[in-house]
Amino acid sequence: AEKKIAYDAKLCQLVDEYTQILVVAADNVGSTQLQNIRKGLRGDSVVLMGKNTMMKRSVKIHAENTGNTGILNLLPLLQ
């Protein structure tokens, strides 16, 4: 449960801090390729990975806490 709370806090912080979000599916991607992608993005971007249900939960919690209903548009993308 502590990991979920920490994930919620991290996602909410990033949503408040940044104006753009990129949602990417990473099915069947090798660890080496994923590591190279994360290295390439490291200087310019923040990479937050998570399971779909955990991300959906965090988005809903953030929308309830802040009144930011626009973030709910992400839910259909998290499948």
N, C-alpha and C. Protein backbone atom coordinates (compact mmCIF):
# COMPACT_ATOMS: atom_id res chain seq x y z
N ALA A 1 0.83 -1.19 0.00
CA ALA A 1 0.00 0.00 0.00
C ALA A 1 0.87 1.26 0.00
N GLU A 2 2.03 1.20 0.63
CA GLU A 2 2.90 2.37 0.68
C GLU A 2 3.43 2.72 -0.71
N LYS A 3 3.69 1.69 -1.51
CA LYS A 3 4.18 1.93 -2.87
C LYS A 3 3.11 2.63 -3.70
N LYS A 4 1.85 2.23 -3.50
CA LYS A 4 0.76 2.85 -4.25
C LYS A 4 0.61 4.31 -3.86
N ILE A 5 0.72 4.60 -2.58
CA ILE A 5 0.61 5.98 -2.10
C ILE A 5 1.76 6.82 -2.67
N ALA A 6 2.96 6.26 -2.66
CA ALA A 6 4.12 6.97 -3.20
C ALA A 6 3.95 7.20 -4.71
N TYR A 7 3.40 6.21 -5.42
CA TYR A 7 3.17 6.34 -6.86
C TYR A 7 2.14 7.43 -7.12
N ASP A 8 1.05 7.43 -6.33
CA ASP A 8 0.01 8.47 -6.47
C ASP A 8 0.62 9.85 -6.30
N ALA A 9 1.44 10.00 -5.26
CA ALA A 9 2.05 11.30 -4.98
C ALA A 9 2.97 11.73 -6.13
N LYS A 10 3.76 10.80 -6.64
CA LYS A 10 4.69 11.11 -7.73
C LYS A 10 3.93 11.51 -8.99
N LEU A 11 2.89 10.75 -9.34
CA LEU A 11 2.12 11.07 -10.54
C LEU A 11 1.44 12.43 -10.39
N CYS A 12 0.85 12.69 -9.24
CA CYS A 12 0.18 13.97 -9.01
C CYS A 12 1.17 15.13 -9.11
N GLN A 13 2.36 14.94 -8.54
CA GLN A 13 3.39 15.98 -8.59
C GLN A 13 3.79 16.27 -10.04
N LEU A 14 3.98 15.22 -10.83
CA LEU A 14 4.39 15.40 -12.22
C LEU A 14 3.30 16.05 -13.05
N VAL A 15 2.04 15.68 -12.80
CA VAL A 15 0.92 16.28 -13.54
C VAL A 15 0.81 17.77 -13.22
N ASP A 16 1.05 18.12 -11.97
CA ASP A 16 0.99 19.54 -11.58
C ASP A 16 2.16 20.32 -12.16
N GLU A 17 3.31 19.67 -12.27
CA GLU A 17 4.54 20.36 -12.66
C GLU A 17 4.69 20.52 -14.18
N TYR A 18 4.23 19.54 -14.95
CA TYR A 18 4.44 19.55 -16.39
C TYR A 18 3.13 19.77 -17.14
N THR A 19 3.24 20.34 -18.35
CA THR A 19 2.04 20.64 -19.14
C THR A 19 1.74 19.58 -20.19
N GLN A 20 2.70 18.70 -20.45
CA GLN A 20 2.51 17.68 -21.48
C GLN A 20 2.75 16.29 -20.92
N ILE A 21 1.94 15.35 -21.40
CA ILE A 21 2.06 13.95 -20.97
C ILE A 21 2.08 13.09 -22.23
N LEU A 22 2.97 12.14 -22.27
CA LEU A 22 3.04 11.19 -23.37
C LEU A 22 2.76 9.80 -22.81
N VAL A 23 1.74 9.15 -23.32
CA VAL A 23 1.38 7.80 -22.88
C VAL A 23 1.87 6.81 -23.93
N VAL A 24 2.65 5.83 -23.48
CA VAL A 24 3.23 4.86 -24.40
C VAL A 24 3.00 3.46 -23.85
N ALA A 25 2.60 2.54 -24.72
CA ALA A 25 2.49 1.14 -24.33
C ALA A 25 3.85 0.48 -24.53
N ALA A 26 4.27 -0.31 -23.57
CA ALA A 26 5.59 -0.94 -23.64
C ALA A 26 5.45 -2.46 -23.59
N ASP A 27 4.52 -3.00 -24.36
CA ASP A 27 4.33 -4.45 -24.40
C ASP A 27 5.40 -5.09 -25.26
N ASN A 28 5.96 -6.18 -24.78
CA ASN A 28 6.95 -6.97 -25.53
C ASN A 28 8.17 -6.16 -25.96
N VAL A 29 8.61 -5.24 -25.11
CA VAL A 29 9.81 -4.46 -25.37
C VAL A 29 10.91 -5.01 -24.48
N GLY A 30 12.05 -5.30 -25.06
CA GLY A 30 13.16 -5.86 -24.30
C GLY A 30 13.74 -4.85 -23.32
N SER A 31 14.35 -5.36 -22.27
CA SER A 31 14.89 -4.48 -21.23
C SER A 31 16.01 -3.59 -21.75
N THR A 32 16.83 -4.11 -22.66
CA THR A 32 17.93 -3.30 -23.21
C THR A 32 17.38 -2.14 -24.03
N GLN A 33 16.38 -2.43 -24.84
CA GLN A 33 15.78 -1.38 -25.66
C GLN A 33 15.11 -0.33 -24.78
N LEU A 34 14.40 -0.79 -23.75
CA LEU A 34 13.74 0.13 -22.83
C LEU A 34 14.76 0.99 -22.09
N GLN A 35 15.86 0.39 -21.70
CA GLN A 35 16.92 1.13 -21.02
C GLN A 35 17.50 2.21 -21.93
N ASN A 36 17.71 1.88 -23.20
CA ASN A 36 18.24 2.86 -24.15
C ASN A 36 17.26 4.01 -24.38
N ILE A 37 15.98 3.70 -24.44
CA ILE A 37 14.96 4.74 -24.61
C ILE A 37 14.97 5.67 -23.40
N ARG A 38 15.02 5.09 -22.21
CA ARG A 38 15.02 5.91 -20.99
C ARG A 38 16.28 6.77 -20.90
N LYS A 39 17.42 6.22 -21.30
CA LYS A 39 18.67 7.00 -21.33
C LYS A 39 18.54 8.18 -22.28
N GLY A 40 17.95 7.94 -23.44
CA GLY A 40 17.80 8.99 -24.44
C GLY A 40 16.88 10.11 -23.98
N LEU A 41 15.90 9.78 -23.18
CA LEU A 41 14.94 10.79 -22.69
C LEU A 41 15.39 11.46 -21.40
N ARG A 42 16.40 10.93 -20.77
CA ARG A 42 16.74 11.32 -19.40
C ARG A 42 16.93 12.82 -19.19
N GLY A 43 17.64 13.51 -20.05
CA GLY A 43 17.91 14.92 -19.82
C GLY A 43 16.70 15.82 -19.98
N ASP A 44 15.82 15.48 -20.91
CA ASP A 44 14.71 16.36 -21.26
C ASP A 44 13.39 15.98 -20.61
N SER A 45 13.26 14.74 -20.19
CA SER A 45 11.95 14.23 -19.79
C SER A 45 12.03 13.45 -18.50
N VAL A 46 10.86 13.20 -17.93
CA VAL A 46 10.74 12.33 -16.77
C VAL A 46 9.96 11.11 -17.22
N VAL A 47 10.49 9.94 -16.97
CA VAL A 47 9.82 8.70 -17.35
C VAL A 47 9.23 8.07 -16.10
N LEU A 48 7.92 7.89 -16.10
CA LEU A 48 7.24 7.23 -14.99
C LEU A 48 6.48 6.05 -15.57
N MET A 49 6.86 4.87 -15.14
CA MET A 49 6.21 3.67 -15.65
C MET A 49 5.32 3.09 -14.56
N GLY A 50 4.26 2.43 -14.99
CA GLY A 50 3.38 1.80 -14.02
C GLY A 50 2.37 0.91 -14.70
N LYS A 51 1.70 0.13 -13.90
CA LYS A 51 0.65 -0.73 -14.43
C LYS A 51 -0.58 0.11 -14.74
N ASN A 52 -1.34 -0.34 -15.73
CA ASN A 52 -2.50 0.43 -16.18
C ASN A 52 -3.49 0.71 -15.07
N THR A 53 -3.82 -0.30 -14.27
CA THR A 53 -4.82 -0.09 -13.22
C THR A 53 -4.31 0.88 -12.17
N MET A 54 -3.02 0.82 -11.86
CA MET A 54 -2.46 1.73 -10.87
C MET A 54 -2.46 3.17 -11.41
N MET A 55 -2.15 3.32 -12.69
CA MET A 55 -2.15 4.66 -13.29
C MET A 55 -3.57 5.21 -13.34
N LYS A 56 -4.54 4.38 -13.71
CA LYS A 56 -5.94 4.83 -13.75
C LYS A 56 -6.38 5.30 -12.37
N ARG A 57 -6.04 4.52 -11.35
CA ARG A 57 -6.40 4.86 -9.98
C ARG A 57 -5.79 6.21 -9.58
N SER A 58 -4.53 6.41 -9.90
CA SER A 58 -3.85 7.66 -9.56
C SER A 58 -4.46 8.85 -10.29
N VAL A 59 -4.82 8.67 -11.55
CA VAL A 59 -5.43 9.75 -12.33
C VAL A 59 -6.78 10.13 -11.71
N LYS A 60 -7.58 9.14 -11.35
CA LYS A 60 -8.88 9.42 -10.73
C LYS A 60 -8.72 10.14 -9.40
N ILE A 61 -7.77 9.70 -8.59
CA ILE A 61 -7.52 10.35 -7.30
C ILE A 61 -7.09 11.79 -7.52
N HIS A 62 -6.21 12.02 -8.48
CA HIS A 62 -5.74 13.38 -8.76
C HIS A 62 -6.90 14.27 -9.20
N ALA A 63 -7.77 13.74 -10.05
CA ALA A 63 -8.92 14.52 -10.53
C ALA A 63 -9.84 14.88 -9.37
N GLU A 64 -10.07 13.94 -8.46
CA GLU A 64 -10.93 14.21 -7.30
C GLU A 64 -10.31 15.25 -6.38
N ASN A 65 -9.01 15.12 -6.13
CA ASN A 65 -8.34 16.01 -5.17
C ASN A 65 -8.17 17.43 -5.69
N THR A 66 -7.95 17.58 -7.00
CA THR A 66 -7.63 18.90 -7.54
C THR A 66 -8.76 19.52 -8.34
N GLY A 67 -9.75 18.73 -8.72
CA GLY A 67 -10.82 19.25 -9.57
C GLY A 67 -10.40 19.36 -11.02
N ASN A 68 -9.25 18.83 -11.37
CA ASN A 68 -8.74 18.85 -12.74
C ASN A 68 -9.39 17.71 -13.52
N THR A 69 -10.56 17.98 -14.10
CA THR A 69 -11.28 16.92 -14.81
C THR A 69 -10.68 16.65 -16.19
N GLY A 70 -9.87 17.55 -16.70
CA GLY A 70 -9.23 17.35 -17.99
C GLY A 70 -8.32 16.14 -18.00
N ILE A 71 -7.75 15.84 -16.85
CA ILE A 71 -6.83 14.69 -16.76
C ILE A 71 -7.56 13.37 -16.98
N LEU A 72 -8.87 13.37 -16.78
CA LEU A 72 -9.65 12.14 -16.98
C LEU A 72 -9.65 11.70 -18.44
N ASN A 73 -9.27 12.60 -19.34
CA ASN A 73 -9.16 12.24 -20.76
C ASN A 73 -8.06 11.20 -21.01
N LEU A 74 -7.17 11.03 -20.04
CA LEU A 74 -6.12 10.01 -20.16
C LEU A 74 -6.65 8.59 -19.97
N LEU A 75 -7.75 8.45 -19.26
CA LEU A 75 -8.24 7.12 -18.89
C LEU A 75 -8.45 6.18 -20.08
N PRO A 76 -9.05 6.64 -21.19
CA PRO A 76 -9.21 5.71 -22.32
C PRO A 76 -7.88 5.27 -22.93
N LEU A 77 -6.83 6.05 -22.72
CA LEU A 77 -5.51 5.70 -23.27
C LEU A 77 -4.81 4.64 -22.44
N LEU A 78 -5.22 4.49 -21.20
CA LEU A 78 -4.59 3.52 -20.30
C LEU A 78 -5.38 2.21 -20.36
N GLN A 79 -5.01 1.36 -21.28
CA GLN A 79 -5.74 0.10 -21.45
C GLN A 79 -4.90 -1.07 -21.07
